[in-house]
Each structure stands twice: as structure tokens, then as C-alpha cells.
Amino acid sequence: MSTLNRREMIQMSAACGMGAVIGDAEFSEHALGVDASPAQGTSGASPIQTRMFWTWDHSTEWALNRPGAHTHGSCNEYGRSTDSFVQDYTALLRWCGQHQIDAVVVWGLLRDGHGGVESAKRLCDVAAKENVRLLCGVGLNAYGGVYYEGNSPHNLERHLEAHPELLAVDAEGNPLSFTIDLNGKKTPITTKGQPGPRGFYQACPSRRENQDFMAESLGWLFKNLPLGGVQMETGDTGICQCKLCRDRRQHSTSDFSWLSWEDMGLMYPLATNAVRSVAKDAWVVCETYSHPQPHHGPDKPPKFGDTMPAWAAAELAKFPRGVFVQWVADYFMKNGEITPAWTAEGRVTKGDHRHVMRSHLATSWFGNRGELAVDWLANLVQRSIASGFEGISLFGEVSPFHAGAELNYLALADYGGADNHKVDLDSFQQRIAAPLLGGADNARDFLRFARLLSDRGKIPAALTSIYGRLASLPPDAARRWCWLANQLASFVPLEP
């Protein structure tokens, strides 16, 4: 799709947004006046304390050779079986338990189409056994509410169908309910009563009835499932422009805006209180859709991945004490490097909140799904540590059977940890990648060849080199090299 349509698509989903690319200069710590070492943290403590996987149920495929998984998108229908859903996440949670990944976020956790509450209970049992927190992705004003899809009183679509007066509206008073295709075309939803998800639905955050619905649903969620926590979002697919919302907000014009910091400042305290009233130890992750780099230009409606306007600090201060505040780095990376746009000002303050940086590396939103990204991830984690972050979140939908995903996940587990405080790529390559790929020289070649997706004229020669070394490699190492060869070859046009 075109760049314009791709950007419109990324703005449609906080869960799946790619972000823009900014600048051409290479990353320079000294030029930015920051130190990427962990020395700014507590002496002796690992700088990264929290690691998370972020997933959509419809795109998670850890139980292999089963039909129906999606490779792109958000709010898609679920195309696999109930058994596949349970087996996908059972395998994922067990891997996390073995590799020090602390939490797994599941958007679409509760759907009638893959077993609803009973399937989720089974996964809660697996998560508890593996000492991994299972977090339910919950849209407060959008993204389905607590029960993502189904005939449940806690499903946002059903709630809004029963109470259409509570729908969010645009500046002309039309409901903010629509579908969007892969070309970025939006179509209003006019039918009712059909099984979802059929698109994006927004609830007006200013209406007390919607606030009560959200709080009651969150209470129900934690009374019925022993979850490790929740990742919450207020929505980045448009904000309500009714009179109540316009009067409440001080920094949103009547023009279209993708998201609202003021809605976050309103909803996150209400939602957190609802969760903690039932599960006081639950993790609460609050999405900002933004980067902490201050915005110095003229005030404008924020969109996914933007810098943080100065006035948003007052809304951030309303986020409850002890929650995780989640930010997004994609606008501040280009070709795997941190851009000069992320300066020493783009730093979070430790104290009342814990901060997590996330990225869409190795997804179809920001490159190629499952591609090798260990060097890019090292750049991101280094800068995140220097900017005060204690947590990193990465997409975890692709099975580690695929070598690119496997190495990315192992890098997430390693970077900023006890054995790699300084996020040293060479150290990771030597200690972890080399034994899996047939030695240190092979590990370096593996990464070098993976980067040929941006220099495709060199792929044929690389394939010859790969095929020539397969016979000398141990079986598992050869399998990983076959994965890379197949990925590279898929970008070479077939001869007629």
C-alpha cells in the first residue's frame, strides 16, 4: 500500500501503529548529551526490570501448521479454533516462563469464538504455573471493552447498541463507528446485531453511564479471572466531539483528533480504582500512544507516536501512583537507528510511575513480520535505559520456530539484564546467538545477511554462501539458516 495509506492505517490502532520515520543522521550519544550506560540507575541493579510481550489473539501463531492466523491488522475476526487459541498461548506463556519474560498482553482475550471465560481461565492457570503475568488488553472507550467480542453484557459494542445515545460522535454529530480496509478507506457502520468485531466503536468518555459501564466491567473481569493485570487504552481511532467532551477538554479543537491526553487523565484513574478495588496487586499498564520527547512546535491535535505536548504533563500527573506508563518509540527510529529527534529532553521521570517503552519492530507495521531485529532492539533498549525506562515491550505473536523471532525474543530477555547491563550486541551475539547459529562468525554473517533486505541486489550471492555452509552445521543451526535463506529468497523475483 502507499505510504499515505500505511500511515493512516497505523493511526487507526494503538495496538498496531507503526509510526513515521524522522531524520537521516546516525545515533550519537555524545551529540545528544546522554549516557547510554546503566550507571544512572541503582548501582548493581539490572536497568531493565520488566519485559512484556504484546499480542493480538488473531495474529498469534505459536501452535504451528493450523489454519486461520492473520499476519497483519488489528480488530480482525478470529479465524482459528478454540483449541488453537489455547495451544498458541500455552506455548507462548511456557516460553516466557523459561526465558524471564514477565508479562503477556492479549488483545482479544475474551471472545465467544475461542471459548470466552473458560479458555481464559485455562490460560490463567498456565500463566500462574509459569510465573508470568497474563494481562487482558482492555479498551475503555474503544477496542471492544473488557469482553472483546461476543454476546456479553461487558462487550462495548453490545452496550452501545443498547444505548446508542452513549456513542461518541464526530464534529457533525455522526457516530464514530466505522470499518477500515487495507487501503485506509473508512466506511460507517450502519447495521446492528451482527456478530463482531465489525470495526471500531467509540463510547463518549464524558457520559457517566459509560464510565460506570467500564468500571463495572473491570470489576467483573477480575472477580471472574485470576489475571496478572490489564493493559488499558482510551482509543486512538478518533475522539468524541460532543458538547460535553468539548466543554471538558481544554486542548482539543472541534476538528478531528486521533486521541486525547485529557481522556486518559479522566479515564485511567477511574479504571485503575475499579481494578484495584478487586485485585490490589494487579499490574495496570496505561497506554499513552506517545513519546516523552517534548513538543516545541505550535499546539496541534496529537496522533499516534507523536511528541508530548507541554500541557499533557498535567494529565500524566493524574495517572494513579504505581501504574506502568507505556510509551511508543516508532516515530523516533529509522532503519534501526535512533533518530536525532530523541534528545536528552525525551526522558521520563521515575517516582510515582513505572515506565515501559514499546516498539513495533519486526512486525508488518514497522518492517517485516518476524524479521531479525536484534541490533535495532539493542539501539532501542540502550536509549530507553538512558532515558529512564525500566521496561520494554515487544510484539510476541510469531513462533520462535522462526529464527528471526526466536533471536529477537532472546535479545529482549538478555538486554539490560544481569548478564548484559550495557546492552552489548557483541556480547549477545557471542553468548547467545553464536551457539544457535554454528559459531561466532556464523552469527555475524547471519545478521549481516539479514540486513540485505535493504540491499536486495546482494541476496543471490548471500544465498549461495548460505547453501554452501548448511551441510557443515548441526541440524538445529542448519534449520535456522534455512529460515533466513527462505526469507531472503522470497524477496528475489522468480524468473519467468
Protein backbone atom coordinates (compact mmCIF):
# COMPACT_ATOMS: atom_id res chain seq x y z
CA MET A 1 0.00 0.00 0.00
CA SER A 2 1.10 3.61 -0.40
CA THR A 3 2.97 5.43 2.36
CA LEU A 4 -0.01 7.72 2.93
CA ASN A 5 -2.43 4.86 3.38
CA ARG A 6 0.02 2.95 5.53
CA ARG A 7 0.29 5.92 7.87
CA GLU A 8 -3.46 6.28 8.06
CA MET A 9 -3.70 2.63 8.96
CA ILE A 10 -1.13 2.91 11.75
CA GLN A 11 -3.01 5.81 13.26
CA MET A 12 -6.09 3.58 13.42
CA SER A 13 -4.62 1.28 16.02
CA ALA A 14 -2.67 1.92 19.19
CA ALA A 15 -2.06 -1.75 19.28
CA CYS A 16 -0.54 -1.96 15.86
CA GLY A 17 0.68 1.50 14.91
CA MET A 18 3.94 1.68 13.01
CA GLY A 19 4.90 5.32 13.30
CA ALA A 20 6.65 7.67 10.92
CA VAL A 21 10.34 7.93 10.17
CA ILE A 22 12.25 11.06 11.03
CA GLY A 23 15.67 12.30 10.08
CA ASP A 24 18.71 10.75 8.45
CA ALA A 25 21.54 11.28 10.90
CA GLU A 26 23.04 8.39 12.83
CA PHE A 27 22.59 7.90 16.56
CA SER A 28 25.21 9.74 18.62
CA GLU A 29 25.15 9.58 22.40
CA HIS A 30 27.72 12.33 22.89
CA ALA A 31 25.98 14.69 20.49
CA LEU A 32 22.78 14.33 22.49
CA GLY A 33 24.46 14.74 25.84
CA VAL A 34 23.24 11.46 27.32
CA ASP A 35 24.95 8.35 28.60
CA ALA A 36 23.51 5.05 27.40
CA SER A 37 25.16 3.08 30.18
CA PRO A 38 23.10 1.88 33.15
CA ALA A 39 25.17 3.94 35.59
CA GLN A 40 22.27 6.37 36.09
CA GLY A 41 20.23 3.62 37.74
CA THR A 42 20.66 1.87 41.05
CA SER A 43 24.18 0.52 41.43
CA GLY A 44 24.25 -3.21 40.74
CA ALA A 45 20.60 -3.45 39.68
CA SER A 46 19.69 -4.58 36.19
CA PRO A 47 18.47 -1.49 34.34
CA ILE A 48 15.61 -3.32 32.64
CA GLN A 49 13.30 -4.76 35.28
CA THR A 50 10.21 -5.53 33.20
CA ARG A 51 9.82 -7.31 29.86
CA MET A 52 6.49 -7.75 28.12
CA PHE A 53 5.09 -9.39 25.01
CA TRP A 54 2.25 -7.60 23.29
CA THR A 55 -0.18 -9.64 21.14
CA TRP A 56 -3.42 -9.71 19.23
CA ASP A 57 -5.16 -13.08 19.52
CA HIS A 58 -5.94 -13.23 15.79
CA SER A 59 -2.28 -12.80 14.79
CA THR A 60 -0.64 -15.03 17.40
CA GLU A 61 0.59 -18.30 15.88
CA TRP A 62 2.69 -20.45 18.20
CA ALA A 63 0.79 -23.69 17.53
CA LEU A 64 2.09 -24.30 14.03
CA ASN A 65 0.50 -25.88 10.96
CA ARG A 66 -3.00 -24.83 11.86
CA PRO A 67 -5.14 -22.58 9.65
CA GLY A 68 -6.63 -19.19 10.27
CA ALA A 69 -3.97 -16.85 11.71
CA HIS A 70 -3.67 -13.30 10.44
CA THR A 71 -0.30 -11.75 9.63
CA HIS A 72 -1.46 -8.14 9.74
CA GLY A 73 -4.08 -5.92 11.26
CA SER A 74 -5.96 -5.08 14.41
CA CYS A 75 -9.55 -5.76 15.46
CA ASN A 76 -9.66 -8.65 12.98
CA GLU A 77 -12.03 -11.59 13.29
CA TYR A 78 -10.57 -14.69 14.93
CA GLY A 79 -10.02 -17.40 12.32
CA ARG A 80 -8.57 -20.27 14.34
CA SER A 81 -10.16 -22.83 16.63
CA THR A 82 -10.62 -22.68 20.39
CA ASP A 83 -8.00 -25.39 20.77
CA SER A 84 -5.56 -23.40 18.63
CA PHE A 85 -6.12 -20.31 20.79
CA VAL A 86 -5.39 -22.23 23.98
CA GLN A 87 -2.40 -24.04 22.49
CA ASP A 88 -0.97 -20.83 20.96
CA TYR A 89 -0.91 -19.03 24.28
CA THR A 90 0.03 -22.08 26.33
CA ALA A 91 3.18 -22.42 24.23
CA LEU A 92 3.83 -18.68 24.43
CA LEU A 93 3.39 -18.47 28.20
CA ARG A 94 5.61 -21.50 28.79
CA TRP A 95 8.37 -19.98 26.66
CA CYS A 96 8.08 -16.75 28.63
CA GLY A 97 8.34 -18.62 31.90
CA GLN A 98 11.54 -20.26 30.72
CA HIS A 99 13.10 -17.03 29.43
CA GLN A 100 12.29 -14.35 32.01
CA ILE A 101 9.56 -12.52 30.10
CA ASP A 102 7.41 -11.07 32.86
CA ALA A 103 4.06 -10.43 31.23
CA VAL A 104 1.99 -11.17 28.13
CA VAL A 105 -0.70 -8.75 26.94
CA VAL A 106 -3.55 -10.35 24.99
CA TRP A 107 -5.91 -8.18 22.99
CA GLY A 108 -8.98 -10.24 22.20
CA LEU A 109 -8.52 -12.41 25.29
CA LEU A 110 -12.27 -12.76 25.74
CA ARG A 111 -14.20 -13.82 22.64
CA ASP A 112 -17.12 -16.16 22.28
CA GLY A 113 -15.37 -17.53 19.19
CA HIS A 114 -12.49 -19.09 21.13
CA GLY A 115 -14.06 -20.13 24.36
CA GLY A 116 -14.69 -16.92 26.28
CA VAL A 117 -14.11 -17.06 30.02
CA GLU A 118 -13.36 -20.78 30.17
CA SER A 119 -10.45 -20.56 27.71
CA ALA A 120 -9.11 -17.52 29.51
CA LYS A 121 -9.23 -19.41 32.83
CA ARG A 122 -7.12 -22.19 31.32
CA LEU A 123 -4.53 -19.65 30.25
CA CYS A 124 -4.56 -18.00 33.67
CA ASP A 125 -3.67 -21.40 35.14
CA VAL A 126 -0.75 -21.79 32.71
CA ALA A 127 0.46 -18.25 33.43
CA ALA A 128 0.37 -18.82 37.18
CA LYS A 129 2.32 -22.07 36.84
CA GLU A 130 4.95 -20.31 34.72
CA ASN A 131 5.11 -17.24 36.99
CA VAL A 132 4.14 -14.98 34.08
CA ARG A 133 1.51 -12.27 34.35
CA LEU A 134 -1.33 -12.59 31.85
CA LEU A 135 -2.66 -9.12 31.08
CA CYS A 136 -6.00 -8.51 29.39
CA GLY A 137 -5.99 -5.77 26.77
CA VAL A 138 -8.96 -3.51 27.53
CA GLY A 139 -10.23 -0.55 25.56
CA LEU A 140 -12.01 1.85 27.87
CA ASN A 141 -13.71 3.98 25.20
CA ALA A 142 -12.86 1.78 22.19
CA TYR A 143 -11.42 -1.61 21.18
CA GLY A 144 -14.31 -3.69 22.46
CA GLY A 145 -14.17 -3.01 26.18
CA VAL A 146 -13.44 -5.84 28.64
CA TYR A 147 -15.13 -8.64 26.66
CA TYR A 148 -13.72 -8.04 23.20
CA GLU A 149 -16.25 -9.94 21.08
CA GLY A 150 -19.44 -11.77 21.88
CA ASN A 151 -22.89 -11.70 23.39
CA SER A 152 -21.71 -10.45 26.75
CA PRO A 153 -23.06 -7.59 28.85
CA HIS A 154 -19.43 -6.48 29.21
CA ASN A 155 -18.86 -6.09 25.45
CA LEU A 156 -18.65 -2.44 24.40
CA GLU A 157 -20.38 -2.99 21.05
CA ARG A 158 -23.40 -4.63 22.71
CA HIS A 159 -23.50 -1.84 25.31
CA LEU A 160 -23.53 0.87 22.64
CA GLU A 161 -26.11 -0.93 20.50
CA ALA A 162 -28.41 -0.99 23.53
CA HIS A 163 -27.67 2.68 24.31
CA PRO A 164 -26.90 4.49 21.04
CA GLU A 165 -27.18 7.84 22.79
CA LEU A 166 -23.89 6.98 24.52
CA LEU A 167 -21.88 6.66 21.31
CA ALA A 168 -19.00 9.02 20.65
CA VAL A 169 -19.73 11.41 17.80
CA ASP A 170 -17.69 13.49 15.37
CA ALA A 171 -17.90 17.27 14.97
CA GLU A 172 -21.04 16.88 12.82
CA GLY A 173 -22.76 14.66 15.37
CA ASN A 174 -22.27 11.40 13.44
CA PRO A 175 -21.38 8.24 15.40
CA LEU A 176 -17.67 7.36 15.46
CA SER A 177 -18.26 3.77 14.36
CA PHE A 178 -16.63 2.54 11.17
CA THR A 179 -14.64 -0.14 9.39
CA ILE A 180 -11.37 0.50 7.59
CA ASP A 181 -9.78 -1.52 4.81
CA LEU A 182 -6.11 -2.08 3.98
CA ASN A 183 -6.14 0.96 1.70
CA GLY A 184 -7.18 3.18 4.58
CA LYS A 185 -10.78 3.68 3.41
CA LYS A 186 -13.26 4.18 6.25
CA THR A 187 -16.88 3.06 5.98
CA PRO A 188 -19.50 3.96 8.62
CA ILE A 189 -21.17 1.02 10.35
CA THR A 190 -24.91 1.15 9.84
CA THR A 191 -26.01 -2.41 10.58
CA LYS A 192 -26.81 -3.78 14.02
CA GLY A 193 -26.99 -7.13 15.73
CA GLN A 194 -24.39 -8.90 13.64
CA PRO A 195 -21.51 -10.81 15.20
CA GLY A 196 -18.41 -8.68 15.59
CA PRO A 197 -15.89 -7.41 15.51
CA ARG A 198 -17.01 -5.39 12.53
CA GLY A 199 -14.84 -2.33 13.06
CA PHE A 200 -14.14 0.43 15.52
CA TYR A 201 -16.64 1.64 18.11
CA GLN A 202 -16.15 4.64 20.38
CA ALA A 203 -18.02 5.46 23.57
CA CYS A 204 -18.32 9.02 24.84
CA PRO A 205 -15.96 9.23 27.84
CA SER A 206 -17.83 12.18 29.37
CA ARG A 207 -21.04 10.21 29.90
CA ARG A 208 -21.31 8.87 33.43
CA GLU A 209 -23.17 5.82 32.12
CA ASN A 210 -20.13 4.79 30.07
CA GLN A 211 -17.80 5.38 33.00
CA ASP A 212 -19.96 3.18 35.20
CA PHE A 213 -20.14 0.50 32.49
CA MET A 214 -16.36 0.48 32.24
CA ALA A 215 -15.81 0.29 36.00
CA GLU A 216 -18.41 -2.44 36.47
CA SER A 217 -16.93 -4.46 33.60
CA LEU A 218 -13.42 -4.25 35.02
CA GLY A 219 -14.70 -5.34 38.41
CA TRP A 220 -16.44 -8.30 36.79
CA LEU A 221 -13.25 -9.18 34.90
CA PHE A 222 -11.08 -9.50 37.99
CA LYS A 223 -13.77 -11.22 40.03
CA ASN A 224 -14.06 -13.95 37.40
CA LEU A 225 -10.47 -14.36 36.19
CA PRO A 226 -7.22 -14.59 38.22
CA LEU A 227 -5.39 -12.30 35.82
CA GLY A 228 -2.00 -10.73 36.42
CA GLY A 229 -3.24 -7.35 35.31
CA VAL A 230 -4.59 -5.23 32.50
CA GLN A 231 -3.26 -3.04 29.72
CA MET A 232 -5.67 -0.15 29.17
CA GLU A 233 -6.22 2.24 26.31
CA THR A 234 -8.68 5.08 25.79
CA GLY A 235 -8.59 4.80 21.99
CA ASP A 236 -6.61 6.29 19.12
CA THR A 237 -9.17 5.96 16.35
CA GLY A 238 -10.86 9.32 16.93
CA ILE A 239 -12.25 11.13 19.97
CA CYS A 240 -15.74 12.21 20.86
CA GLN A 241 -16.62 15.76 19.85
CA CYS A 242 -19.94 16.10 21.64
CA LYS A 243 -20.60 19.26 23.63
CA LEU A 244 -19.83 17.55 26.95
CA CYS A 245 -16.41 16.48 25.69
CA ARG A 246 -15.61 19.80 24.03
CA ASP A 247 -16.53 21.67 27.20
CA ARG A 248 -14.49 19.31 29.38
CA ARG A 249 -11.32 19.38 27.29
CA GLN A 250 -9.10 22.45 27.27
CA HIS A 251 -6.72 21.41 24.50
CA SER A 252 -8.83 19.66 21.84
CA THR A 253 -10.36 21.61 18.98
CA SER A 254 -13.62 20.72 17.26
CA ASP A 255 -11.58 19.35 14.35
CA PHE A 256 -10.80 15.65 14.09
CA SER A 257 -8.24 14.29 16.55
CA TRP A 258 -6.98 10.72 16.82
CA LEU A 259 -6.55 10.62 20.60
CA SER A 260 -6.84 12.68 23.75
CA TRP A 261 -4.49 13.04 26.71
CA GLU A 262 -7.37 14.61 28.60
CA ASP A 263 -9.46 11.48 28.09
CA MET A 264 -6.57 9.47 29.56
CA GLY A 265 -6.39 11.79 32.57
CA LEU A 266 -10.11 11.25 33.11
CA MET A 267 -10.44 7.52 32.47
CA TYR A 268 -7.24 5.92 33.78
CA PRO A 269 -7.84 6.87 37.44
CA LEU A 270 -11.44 5.61 37.26
CA ALA A 271 -10.37 2.34 35.64
CA THR A 272 -7.40 1.78 37.95
CA ASN A 273 -9.59 2.26 41.01
CA ALA A 274 -12.05 -0.29 39.63
CA VAL A 275 -9.28 -2.85 39.11
CA ARG A 276 -7.59 -2.26 42.46
CA SER A 277 -10.87 -2.48 44.35
CA VAL A 278 -10.92 -6.16 43.38
CA ALA A 279 -7.28 -7.05 42.69
CA LYS A 280 -4.98 -4.68 44.56
CA ASP A 281 -1.78 -6.34 43.29
CA ALA A 282 -2.75 -6.40 39.62
CA TRP A 283 -0.44 -4.68 37.17
CA VAL A 284 -2.08 -1.75 35.43
CA VAL A 285 -0.46 -0.58 32.19
CA CYS A 286 -1.70 2.76 30.84
CA GLU A 287 -1.04 3.44 27.16
CA THR A 288 -0.11 6.97 26.06
CA TYR A 289 0.24 6.37 22.29
CA SER A 290 3.03 8.93 22.54
CA HIS A 291 6.75 9.51 23.03
CA PRO A 292 8.05 11.51 26.03
CA GLN A 293 10.04 13.86 23.76
CA PRO A 294 8.56 17.33 24.41
CA HIS A 295 6.69 19.01 21.59
CA HIS A 296 8.04 22.51 20.91
CA GLY A 297 6.03 23.49 17.84
CA PRO A 298 2.58 25.04 17.59
CA ASP A 299 -0.09 23.17 19.50
CA LYS A 300 -1.83 20.56 17.36
CA PRO A 301 -4.16 17.59 17.84
CA PRO A 302 -1.96 14.64 18.89
CA LYS A 303 -1.75 11.47 16.84
CA PHE A 304 -0.18 8.06 17.36
CA GLY A 305 3.54 8.20 18.16
CA ASP A 306 3.72 11.99 18.48
CA THR A 307 5.83 14.01 20.85
CA MET A 308 4.29 15.02 24.16
CA PRO A 309 2.70 18.48 24.35
CA ALA A 310 3.70 20.54 27.36
CA TRP A 311 0.16 20.63 28.74
CA ALA A 312 -0.01 16.82 28.74
CA ALA A 313 2.22 16.71 31.82
CA ALA A 314 -0.78 17.76 33.91
CA GLU A 315 -2.76 14.80 32.54
CA LEU A 316 0.13 12.38 33.12
CA ALA A 317 0.23 13.54 36.73
CA LYS A 318 -3.34 12.28 37.10
CA PHE A 319 -2.32 8.70 36.26
CA PRO A 320 -2.56 6.72 39.51
CA ARG A 321 0.54 6.06 41.54
CA GLY A 322 2.26 2.76 40.80
CA VAL A 323 0.86 2.16 37.31
CA PHE A 324 3.03 1.36 34.31
CA VAL A 325 3.01 4.19 31.79
CA GLN A 326 3.57 2.86 28.30
CA TRP A 327 5.16 4.91 25.50
CA VAL A 328 5.97 4.19 21.86
CA ALA A 329 9.31 4.67 20.08
CA ASP A 330 8.46 4.09 16.41
CA TYR A 331 8.49 7.71 15.24
CA PHE A 332 11.98 8.00 16.71
CA MET A 333 13.65 5.14 14.85
CA LYS A 334 14.77 4.93 11.23
CA ASN A 335 16.48 1.93 9.66
CA GLY A 336 17.01 0.55 13.14
CA GLU A 337 18.81 3.64 14.43
CA ILE A 338 17.57 6.14 16.98
CA THR A 339 16.98 9.43 15.22
CA PRO A 340 18.31 12.80 16.46
CA ALA A 341 14.71 13.76 17.25
CA TRP A 342 15.01 11.75 20.50
CA THR A 343 17.13 14.06 22.63
CA ALA A 344 18.03 14.21 26.30
CA GLU A 345 14.71 16.03 26.85
CA GLY A 346 12.83 12.86 25.91
CA ARG A 347 13.35 11.34 29.32
CA VAL A 348 10.81 10.00 31.79
CA THR A 349 10.84 10.81 35.49
CA LYS A 350 10.95 7.96 37.96
CA GLY A 351 8.81 8.28 41.05
CA ASP A 352 5.07 7.82 41.01
CA HIS A 353 5.05 5.70 37.83
CA ARG A 354 6.96 2.90 36.18
CA HIS A 355 7.73 3.44 32.50
CA VAL A 356 7.69 0.98 29.60
CA MET A 357 8.89 1.70 26.06
CA ARG A 358 7.34 -0.33 23.29
CA SER A 359 8.05 -0.71 19.61
CA HIS A 360 6.60 -2.44 16.58
CA LEU A 361 9.96 -3.77 15.45
CA ALA A 362 9.71 -6.96 13.35
CA THR A 363 6.02 -6.51 12.55
CA SER A 364 4.27 -5.71 9.30
CA TRP A 365 3.56 -2.27 10.76
CA PHE A 366 7.23 -1.42 11.01
CA GLY A 367 9.10 -3.59 8.51
CA ASN A 368 8.57 -7.32 8.01
CA ARG A 369 6.79 -9.66 10.39
CA GLY A 370 9.26 -11.81 12.31
CA GLU A 371 12.41 -10.37 10.72
CA LEU A 372 15.67 -10.30 12.67
CA ALA A 373 15.91 -7.12 14.75
CA VAL A 374 18.49 -7.84 17.45
CA ASP A 375 20.69 -4.87 16.50
CA TRP A 376 17.76 -2.48 16.22
CA LEU A 377 16.41 -3.68 19.56
CA ALA A 378 19.82 -3.08 21.15
CA ASN A 379 19.69 0.55 19.98
CA LEU A 380 16.19 0.95 21.39
CA VAL A 381 16.96 -0.60 24.77
CA GLN A 382 20.17 1.41 25.18
CA ARG A 383 18.40 4.69 24.55
CA SER A 384 15.43 3.69 26.68
CA ILE A 385 17.69 2.95 29.64
CA ALA A 386 19.44 6.30 29.17
CA SER A 387 16.01 7.95 29.13
CA GLY A 388 14.87 6.50 32.44
CA PHE A 389 12.83 3.49 31.30
CA GLU A 390 12.73 0.28 33.31
CA GLY A 391 10.55 -1.77 30.94
CA ILE A 392 10.49 -2.86 27.30
CA SER A 393 7.55 -4.28 25.34
CA LEU A 394 7.85 -6.12 22.04
CA PHE A 395 5.35 -7.93 19.84
CA GLY A 396 5.32 -11.66 20.60
CA GLU A 397 2.91 -13.06 18.01
CA VAL A 398 5.36 -15.07 15.87
CA SER A 399 6.52 -18.51 17.00
CA PRO A 400 10.21 -18.83 17.96
CA PHE A 401 10.36 -21.70 15.50
CA HIS A 402 11.12 -18.83 13.11
CA ALA A 403 14.73 -17.91 13.79
CA GLY A 404 14.30 -14.16 13.47
CA ALA A 405 11.59 -14.07 16.11
CA GLU A 406 13.49 -16.51 18.32
CA LEU A 407 16.62 -14.36 18.38
CA ASN A 408 14.61 -11.17 18.91
CA TYR A 409 12.86 -12.70 21.92
CA LEU A 410 16.15 -13.96 23.37
CA ALA A 411 17.61 -10.48 22.92
CA LEU A 412 14.66 -8.96 24.77
CA ALA A 413 15.31 -11.39 27.62
CA ASP A 414 19.03 -10.53 27.63
CA TYR A 415 19.34 -6.79 27.03
CA GLY A 416 19.61 -4.74 30.19
CA GLY A 417 19.62 -7.88 32.31
CA ALA A 418 22.09 -9.39 34.78
CA ASP A 419 24.42 -10.69 32.05
CA ASN A 420 24.23 -7.70 29.74
CA HIS A 421 23.74 -4.48 31.67
CA LYS A 422 25.14 -2.33 28.89
CA VAL A 423 23.06 -3.93 26.13
CA ASP A 424 26.15 -5.01 24.23
CA LEU A 425 25.18 -6.52 20.86
CA ASP A 426 28.53 -8.29 20.50
CA SER A 427 28.07 -9.89 23.90
CA PHE A 428 24.63 -11.16 22.91
CA GLN A 429 25.98 -12.48 19.63
CA GLN A 430 28.85 -14.31 21.33
CA ARG A 431 26.97 -15.77 24.30
CA ILE A 432 23.53 -16.49 22.86
CA ALA A 433 23.37 -16.26 19.07
CA ALA A 434 26.65 -18.00 18.23
CA PRO A 435 25.81 -21.36 19.86
CA LEU A 436 22.48 -21.37 18.00
CA LEU A 437 23.92 -20.49 14.59
CA GLY A 438 27.10 -22.52 14.39
CA GLY A 439 29.69 -20.18 15.89
CA ALA A 440 30.61 -16.52 16.25
CA ASP A 441 31.49 -15.99 12.59
CA ASN A 442 28.18 -17.50 11.55
CA ALA A 443 26.30 -15.28 13.99
CA ARG A 444 27.89 -12.19 12.48
CA ASP A 445 27.10 -13.38 8.95
CA PHE A 446 23.52 -14.20 9.93
CA LEU A 447 22.89 -10.60 10.98
CA ARG A 448 24.79 -9.19 8.00
CA PHE A 449 22.80 -11.26 5.54
CA ALA A 450 19.50 -10.40 7.25
CA ARG A 451 20.18 -6.73 6.53
CA LEU A 452 20.26 -7.42 2.78
CA LEU A 453 16.51 -6.85 2.61
CA SER A 454 17.52 -3.22 2.12
CA ASP A 455 20.19 -4.15 -0.47
CA ARG A 456 18.46 -6.87 -2.43
CA GLY A 457 20.91 -7.00 -5.30
CA LYS A 458 23.29 -8.84 -2.98
CA ILE A 459 20.79 -11.50 -1.94
CA PRO A 460 21.67 -14.09 -4.64
CA ALA A 461 25.32 -14.17 -3.58
CA ALA A 462 24.29 -14.43 0.07
CA LEU A 463 22.04 -17.39 -0.73
CA THR A 464 24.94 -19.18 -2.40
CA SER A 465 27.01 -18.63 0.75
CA ILE A 466 24.20 -19.88 2.99
CA TYR A 467 23.54 -23.02 0.95
CA GLY A 468 27.24 -23.82 0.95
CA ARG A 469 27.52 -23.91 4.72
CA LEU A 470 24.39 -25.90 5.58
CA ALA A 471 25.96 -29.37 5.38
CA SER A 472 28.60 -28.48 7.96
CA LEU A 473 26.15 -27.18 10.55
CA PRO A 474 24.37 -29.03 13.38
CA PRO A 475 20.74 -29.78 12.50
CA ASP A 476 19.14 -27.00 14.58
CA ALA A 477 21.64 -24.41 13.39
CA ALA A 478 21.03 -25.50 9.79
CA ARG A 479 17.26 -25.13 10.34
CA ARG A 480 17.75 -21.53 11.48
CA TRP A 481 19.90 -20.78 8.45
CA CYS A 482 17.24 -22.33 6.21
CA TRP A 483 14.73 -19.89 7.71
CA LEU A 484 16.96 -16.95 6.75
CA ALA A 485 17.60 -18.35 3.29
CA ASN A 486 13.87 -18.74 2.68
CA GLN A 487 13.15 -15.22 3.89
CA LEU A 488 15.84 -13.70 1.67
CA ALA A 489 14.84 -15.81 -1.35
CA SER A 490 11.23 -14.67 -1.01
CA PHE A 491 12.38 -11.15 -1.93
CA VAL A 492 14.08 -12.26 -5.12
CA PRO A 493 11.69 -12.17 -8.12
CA LEU A 494 11.07 -15.55 -9.69
CA GLU A 495 12.28 -15.84 -13.23
CA PRO A 496 9.52 -16.31 -15.85
